[in-house]
Amino acid sequence: MTLGQASKTYNIPKTTLADRVYGKYATDHIDAKTVLSADEEQRIANWVVHMSRVGYGRTRHGLCTVVQKIRYGTGRETPFLVNKLGRQPLRGFLKRHPYLFVRTTIQLGKERAVITIEII
């Protein structure tokens, strides 16, 4: 089957098939480099989940500040214009961790955060 025939059969642009066949792109996943390592991102995601479970959800701004502190703490240079995580990298982080949801946060008092079904 030629590229033209495959393009028509599967309704995929011929250039897309040609790029794949001739190895134009080295990897299957083409995306911008991440600012943090996969381990660092996972630790931050786990921290966000933990904080929301105990009643202290994090804001977008707070998450960006945490990333900024990690960057400064490790002595790595930042690729950001204002030395802070922007919208696009934050969007990428949330896309890589789909179990994180952006919601309007409401700070709970400690009394409300520690209530369990057994206490009720």
N, C-alpha and C. Protein backbone atom coordinates (compact mmCIF):
# COMPACT_ATOMS: atom_id res chain seq x y z
N MET A 1 0.85 -1.18 0.00
CA MET A 1 0.00 0.00 0.00
C MET A 1 0.89 1.24 0.00
N THR A 2 0.61 2.18 -0.87
CA THR A 2 1.40 3.41 -0.94
C THR A 2 0.90 4.40 0.11
N LEU A 3 1.67 5.46 0.30
CA LEU A 3 1.27 6.48 1.27
C LEU A 3 -0.04 7.14 0.85
N GLY A 4 -0.21 7.37 -0.44
CA GLY A 4 -1.44 7.99 -0.93
C GLY A 4 -2.66 7.12 -0.66
N GLN A 5 -2.51 5.82 -0.88
CA GLN A 5 -3.62 4.91 -0.63
C GLN A 5 -3.94 4.82 0.86
N ALA A 6 -2.91 4.74 1.67
CA ALA A 6 -3.11 4.67 3.12
C ALA A 6 -3.76 5.96 3.62
N SER A 7 -3.35 7.09 3.06
CA SER A 7 -3.91 8.37 3.44
C SER A 7 -5.41 8.40 3.17
N LYS A 8 -5.81 7.93 2.01
CA LYS A 8 -7.24 7.92 1.66
C LYS A 8 -8.01 6.88 2.49
N THR A 9 -7.41 5.71 2.68
CA THR A 9 -8.08 4.63 3.40
C THR A 9 -8.35 5.01 4.86
N TYR A 10 -7.33 5.57 5.52
CA TYR A 10 -7.44 5.85 6.96
C TYR A 10 -7.74 7.32 7.28
N ASN A 11 -7.92 8.13 6.22
CA ASN A 11 -8.24 9.54 6.38
C ASN A 11 -7.20 10.27 7.25
N ILE A 12 -5.93 10.02 6.94
CA ILE A 12 -4.81 10.67 7.62
C ILE A 12 -4.03 11.45 6.56
N PRO A 13 -3.65 12.70 6.84
CA PRO A 13 -2.90 13.46 5.85
C PRO A 13 -1.64 12.72 5.39
N LYS A 14 -1.37 12.81 4.10
CA LYS A 14 -0.22 12.11 3.52
C LYS A 14 1.09 12.59 4.14
N THR A 15 1.19 13.88 4.42
CA THR A 15 2.42 14.40 5.02
C THR A 15 2.65 13.84 6.42
N THR A 16 1.58 13.61 7.17
CA THR A 16 1.70 13.02 8.50
C THR A 16 2.25 11.60 8.40
N LEU A 17 1.72 10.83 7.46
CA LEU A 17 2.21 9.46 7.25
C LEU A 17 3.66 9.47 6.78
N ALA A 18 3.99 10.39 5.88
CA ALA A 18 5.36 10.47 5.37
C ALA A 18 6.34 10.83 6.50
N ASP A 19 5.95 11.77 7.34
CA ASP A 19 6.80 12.14 8.48
C ASP A 19 7.07 10.95 9.37
N ARG A 20 6.05 10.14 9.61
CA ARG A 20 6.19 8.96 10.48
C ARG A 20 7.08 7.91 9.81
N VAL A 21 6.84 7.64 8.54
CA VAL A 21 7.58 6.60 7.82
C VAL A 21 9.05 6.96 7.69
N TYR A 22 9.33 8.21 7.39
CA TYR A 22 10.72 8.62 7.15
C TYR A 22 11.42 9.14 8.40
N GLY A 23 10.77 9.03 9.55
CA GLY A 23 11.41 9.36 10.83
C GLY A 23 11.74 10.83 10.99
N LYS A 24 10.87 11.70 10.54
CA LYS A 24 11.13 13.12 10.67
C LYS A 24 11.26 13.54 12.13
N TYR A 25 10.46 12.93 12.99
CA TYR A 25 10.51 13.23 14.41
C TYR A 25 11.07 12.03 15.15
N ALA A 26 11.99 12.29 16.07
CA ALA A 26 12.71 11.21 16.74
C ALA A 26 11.85 10.45 17.75
N THR A 27 10.89 11.10 18.35
CA THR A 27 10.09 10.44 19.38
C THR A 27 8.62 10.47 19.01
N ASP A 28 7.86 9.64 19.70
CA ASP A 28 6.42 9.63 19.48
C ASP A 28 5.75 10.83 20.13
N HIS A 29 6.36 11.34 21.18
CA HIS A 29 5.75 12.43 21.93
C HIS A 29 6.57 13.69 21.70
N ILE A 30 5.98 14.65 21.02
CA ILE A 30 6.66 15.91 20.74
C ILE A 30 6.06 16.96 21.65
N ASP A 31 6.89 17.51 22.52
CA ASP A 31 6.40 18.50 23.47
C ASP A 31 7.59 19.31 23.96
N ALA A 32 7.31 20.40 24.60
CA ALA A 32 8.38 21.21 25.17
C ALA A 32 9.01 20.46 26.34
N LYS A 33 10.26 20.76 26.60
CA LYS A 33 10.93 20.13 27.75
C LYS A 33 10.28 20.60 29.03
N THR A 34 10.22 19.70 29.99
CA THR A 34 9.65 20.08 31.28
C THR A 34 10.69 20.81 32.11
N VAL A 35 10.22 21.66 32.98
CA VAL A 35 11.09 22.46 33.84
C VAL A 35 11.68 21.60 34.94
N LEU A 36 10.88 20.69 35.47
CA LEU A 36 11.31 19.82 36.56
C LEU A 36 11.42 18.39 36.05
N SER A 37 12.14 17.56 36.78
CA SER A 37 12.23 16.15 36.42
C SER A 37 10.89 15.48 36.71
N ALA A 38 10.70 14.29 36.17
CA ALA A 38 9.46 13.55 36.38
C ALA A 38 9.25 13.26 37.86
N ASP A 39 10.34 12.95 38.58
CA ASP A 39 10.25 12.68 40.02
C ASP A 39 9.82 13.93 40.79
N GLU A 40 10.40 15.07 40.44
CA GLU A 40 10.03 16.32 41.12
C GLU A 40 8.57 16.67 40.85
N GLU A 41 8.14 16.49 39.60
CA GLU A 41 6.74 16.77 39.28
C GLU A 41 5.81 15.86 40.06
N GLN A 42 6.16 14.59 40.16
CA GLN A 42 5.31 13.64 40.88
C GLN A 42 5.24 13.99 42.36
N ARG A 43 6.36 14.42 42.93
CA ARG A 43 6.36 14.81 44.35
C ARG A 43 5.47 16.03 44.58
N ILE A 44 5.51 16.99 43.65
CA ILE A 44 4.65 18.18 43.77
C ILE A 44 3.19 17.78 43.63
N ALA A 45 2.88 16.91 42.67
CA ALA A 45 1.50 16.46 42.47
C ALA A 45 1.00 15.74 43.73
N ASN A 46 1.83 14.89 44.31
CA ASN A 46 1.44 14.19 45.54
C ASN A 46 1.21 15.18 46.69
N TRP A 47 2.05 16.21 46.75
CA TRP A 47 1.92 17.23 47.79
C TRP A 47 0.59 17.98 47.62
N VAL A 48 0.26 18.33 46.37
CA VAL A 48 -1.00 19.04 46.11
C VAL A 48 -2.18 18.18 46.54
N VAL A 49 -2.16 16.89 46.21
CA VAL A 49 -3.24 15.98 46.60
C VAL A 49 -3.33 15.90 48.12
N HIS A 50 -2.18 15.74 48.78
CA HIS A 50 -2.17 15.65 50.25
C HIS A 50 -2.75 16.91 50.88
N MET A 51 -2.33 18.07 50.39
CA MET A 51 -2.81 19.32 50.96
C MET A 51 -4.32 19.48 50.77
N SER A 52 -4.83 19.04 49.64
CA SER A 52 -6.28 19.16 49.43
C SER A 52 -7.04 18.19 50.32
N ARG A 53 -6.46 17.03 50.59
CA ARG A 53 -7.14 16.06 51.47
C ARG A 53 -7.23 16.55 52.91
N VAL A 54 -6.26 17.33 53.34
CA VAL A 54 -6.31 17.84 54.71
C VAL A 54 -7.00 19.19 54.78
N GLY A 55 -7.57 19.65 53.64
CA GLY A 55 -8.38 20.85 53.66
C GLY A 55 -7.68 22.12 53.27
N TYR A 56 -6.48 22.03 52.71
CA TYR A 56 -5.74 23.22 52.30
C TYR A 56 -5.36 23.12 50.83
N GLY A 57 -6.35 23.30 49.97
CA GLY A 57 -6.11 23.26 48.54
C GLY A 57 -5.14 24.35 48.12
N ARG A 58 -4.37 24.09 47.12
CA ARG A 58 -3.38 25.05 46.62
C ARG A 58 -3.93 25.80 45.43
N THR A 59 -3.55 27.04 45.31
CA THR A 59 -3.96 27.86 44.17
C THR A 59 -2.95 27.71 43.04
N ARG A 60 -3.31 28.19 41.87
CA ARG A 60 -2.37 28.19 40.75
C ARG A 60 -1.12 28.99 41.12
N HIS A 61 -1.35 30.16 41.72
CA HIS A 61 -0.23 31.02 42.12
C HIS A 61 0.67 30.31 43.13
N GLY A 62 0.06 29.62 44.08
CA GLY A 62 0.85 28.89 45.07
C GLY A 62 1.68 27.78 44.45
N LEU A 63 1.11 27.10 43.47
CA LEU A 63 1.83 26.03 42.78
C LEU A 63 3.01 26.60 42.00
N CYS A 64 2.80 27.73 41.35
CA CYS A 64 3.88 28.38 40.60
C CYS A 64 5.00 28.82 41.55
N THR A 65 4.64 29.30 42.72
CA THR A 65 5.62 29.73 43.70
C THR A 65 6.45 28.55 44.20
N VAL A 66 5.81 27.40 44.41
CA VAL A 66 6.52 26.20 44.85
C VAL A 66 7.55 25.79 43.80
N VAL A 67 7.15 25.80 42.54
CA VAL A 67 8.08 25.43 41.46
C VAL A 67 9.25 26.41 41.43
N GLN A 68 8.96 27.69 41.61
CA GLN A 68 10.01 28.70 41.62
C GLN A 68 11.00 28.45 42.76
N LYS A 69 10.50 28.11 43.94
CA LYS A 69 11.37 27.85 45.08
C LYS A 69 12.23 26.61 44.85
N ILE A 70 11.66 25.60 44.22
CA ILE A 70 12.44 24.39 43.91
C ILE A 70 13.57 24.73 42.95
N ARG A 71 13.26 25.53 41.95
CA ARG A 71 14.28 25.93 40.98
C ARG A 71 15.41 26.69 41.66
N TYR A 72 15.07 27.64 42.51
CA TYR A 72 16.10 28.41 43.22
C TYR A 72 16.87 27.54 44.20
N GLY A 73 16.17 26.63 44.88
CA GLY A 73 16.80 25.78 45.88
C GLY A 73 17.82 24.83 45.30
N THR A 74 17.62 24.42 44.05
CA THR A 74 18.56 23.49 43.42
C THR A 74 19.64 24.22 42.63
N GLY A 75 19.52 25.54 42.53
CA GLY A 75 20.54 26.32 41.84
C GLY A 75 20.45 26.26 40.32
N ARG A 76 19.38 25.72 39.80
CA ARG A 76 19.24 25.66 38.35
C ARG A 76 18.74 26.99 37.81
N GLU A 77 19.15 27.29 36.59
CA GLU A 77 18.65 28.51 35.96
C GLU A 77 17.22 28.29 35.52
N THR A 78 16.49 29.38 35.46
CA THR A 78 15.09 29.30 35.05
C THR A 78 14.93 29.79 33.62
N PRO A 79 14.14 29.10 32.81
CA PRO A 79 13.92 29.55 31.44
C PRO A 79 12.81 30.58 31.32
N PHE A 80 12.19 30.96 32.44
CA PHE A 80 11.05 31.85 32.41
C PHE A 80 11.49 33.30 32.36
N LEU A 81 10.69 34.12 31.72
CA LEU A 81 11.02 35.53 31.55
C LEU A 81 11.02 36.27 32.88
N VAL A 82 10.06 36.00 33.74
CA VAL A 82 9.97 36.70 35.03
C VAL A 82 10.33 35.76 36.18
N ASN A 83 11.11 34.71 35.89
CA ASN A 83 11.56 33.74 36.89
C ASN A 83 10.41 33.05 37.61
N LYS A 84 9.28 32.91 36.94
CA LYS A 84 8.13 32.26 37.54
C LYS A 84 7.41 31.44 36.48
N LEU A 85 6.87 30.31 36.91
CA LEU A 85 6.13 29.43 36.01
C LEU A 85 4.96 30.19 35.39
N GLY A 86 4.82 30.09 34.08
CA GLY A 86 3.75 30.79 33.38
C GLY A 86 2.54 29.90 33.14
N ARG A 87 1.61 30.40 32.36
CA ARG A 87 0.36 29.68 32.10
C ARG A 87 0.58 28.40 31.32
N GLN A 88 1.39 28.47 30.26
CA GLN A 88 1.57 27.30 29.41
C GLN A 88 2.27 26.16 30.14
N PRO A 89 3.39 26.41 30.85
CA PRO A 89 3.99 25.30 31.61
C PRO A 89 3.06 24.74 32.68
N LEU A 90 2.28 25.61 33.31
CA LEU A 90 1.32 25.14 34.31
C LEU A 90 0.25 24.27 33.65
N ARG A 91 -0.21 24.69 32.49
CA ARG A 91 -1.19 23.90 31.74
C ARG A 91 -0.61 22.54 31.38
N GLY A 92 0.67 22.52 30.98
CA GLY A 92 1.33 21.25 30.67
C GLY A 92 1.43 20.34 31.88
N PHE A 93 1.75 20.93 33.05
CA PHE A 93 1.84 20.16 34.29
C PHE A 93 0.49 19.52 34.61
N LEU A 94 -0.57 20.30 34.50
CA LEU A 94 -1.90 19.78 34.80
C LEU A 94 -2.34 18.74 33.77
N LYS A 95 -1.87 18.87 32.56
CA LYS A 95 -2.20 17.89 31.53
C LYS A 95 -1.47 16.57 31.79
N ARG A 96 -0.25 16.65 32.30
CA ARG A 96 0.51 15.44 32.62
C ARG A 96 0.00 14.75 33.88
N HIS A 97 -0.75 15.48 34.69
CA HIS A 97 -1.32 14.93 35.93
C HIS A 97 -2.83 15.18 35.90
N PRO A 98 -3.56 14.41 35.10
CA PRO A 98 -4.99 14.68 34.90
C PRO A 98 -5.87 14.47 36.13
N TYR A 99 -5.34 13.85 37.16
CA TYR A 99 -6.12 13.66 38.38
C TYR A 99 -6.15 14.91 39.24
N LEU A 100 -5.39 15.94 38.86
CA LEU A 100 -5.43 17.22 39.56
C LEU A 100 -6.47 18.10 38.90
N PHE A 101 -7.31 18.73 39.70
CA PHE A 101 -8.36 19.58 39.17
C PHE A 101 -8.14 21.00 39.66
N VAL A 102 -8.42 21.96 38.81
CA VAL A 102 -8.34 23.36 39.20
C VAL A 102 -9.74 23.78 39.62
N ARG A 103 -9.85 24.17 40.86
CA ARG A 103 -11.12 24.62 41.42
C ARG A 103 -10.87 25.84 42.27
N THR A 104 -11.94 26.54 42.57
CA THR A 104 -11.83 27.65 43.50
C THR A 104 -11.66 27.07 44.89
N THR A 105 -10.59 27.47 45.56
CA THR A 105 -10.30 26.88 46.86
C THR A 105 -11.01 27.64 47.97
N ILE A 106 -11.39 26.89 48.98
CA ILE A 106 -11.97 27.46 50.19
C ILE A 106 -11.19 26.86 51.35
N GLN A 107 -10.53 27.72 52.11
CA GLN A 107 -9.75 27.23 53.23
C GLN A 107 -10.69 26.75 54.34
N LEU A 108 -10.49 25.52 54.77
CA LEU A 108 -11.28 24.96 55.86
C LEU A 108 -10.54 25.17 57.17
N GLY A 109 -11.30 25.35 58.21
CA GLY A 109 -10.69 25.41 59.52
C GLY A 109 -10.19 24.02 59.90
N LYS A 110 -9.25 23.94 60.82
CA LYS A 110 -8.69 22.65 61.21
C LYS A 110 -9.77 21.72 61.73
N GLU A 111 -10.74 22.26 62.43
CA GLU A 111 -11.81 21.45 63.00
C GLU A 111 -12.60 20.74 61.90
N ARG A 112 -12.87 21.43 60.81
CA ARG A 112 -13.62 20.83 59.71
C ARG A 112 -12.77 19.88 58.90
N ALA A 113 -11.48 20.13 58.81
CA ALA A 113 -10.60 19.32 57.97
C ALA A 113 -10.35 17.94 58.58
N VAL A 114 -10.39 17.82 59.90
CA VAL A 114 -10.04 16.55 60.54
C VAL A 114 -11.26 15.70 60.88
N ILE A 115 -12.45 16.12 60.52
CA ILE A 115 -13.66 15.36 60.82
C ILE A 115 -13.73 14.12 59.94
N THR A 116 -14.00 12.99 60.55
CA THR A 116 -14.16 11.74 59.82
C THR A 116 -15.57 11.19 60.06
N ILE A 117 -15.92 10.16 59.36
CA ILE A 117 -17.25 9.55 59.53
C ILE A 117 -17.39 8.99 60.94
N GLU A 118 -16.31 8.45 61.49
CA GLU A 118 -16.36 7.89 62.84
C GLU A 118 -16.68 8.97 63.88
N ILE A 119 -16.15 10.16 63.70
CA ILE A 119 -16.40 11.26 64.64
C ILE A 119 -17.85 11.69 64.57
N ILE A 120 -18.41 11.73 63.36
CA ILE A 120 -19.79 12.15 63.18
C ILE A 120 -20.70 11.13 63.82
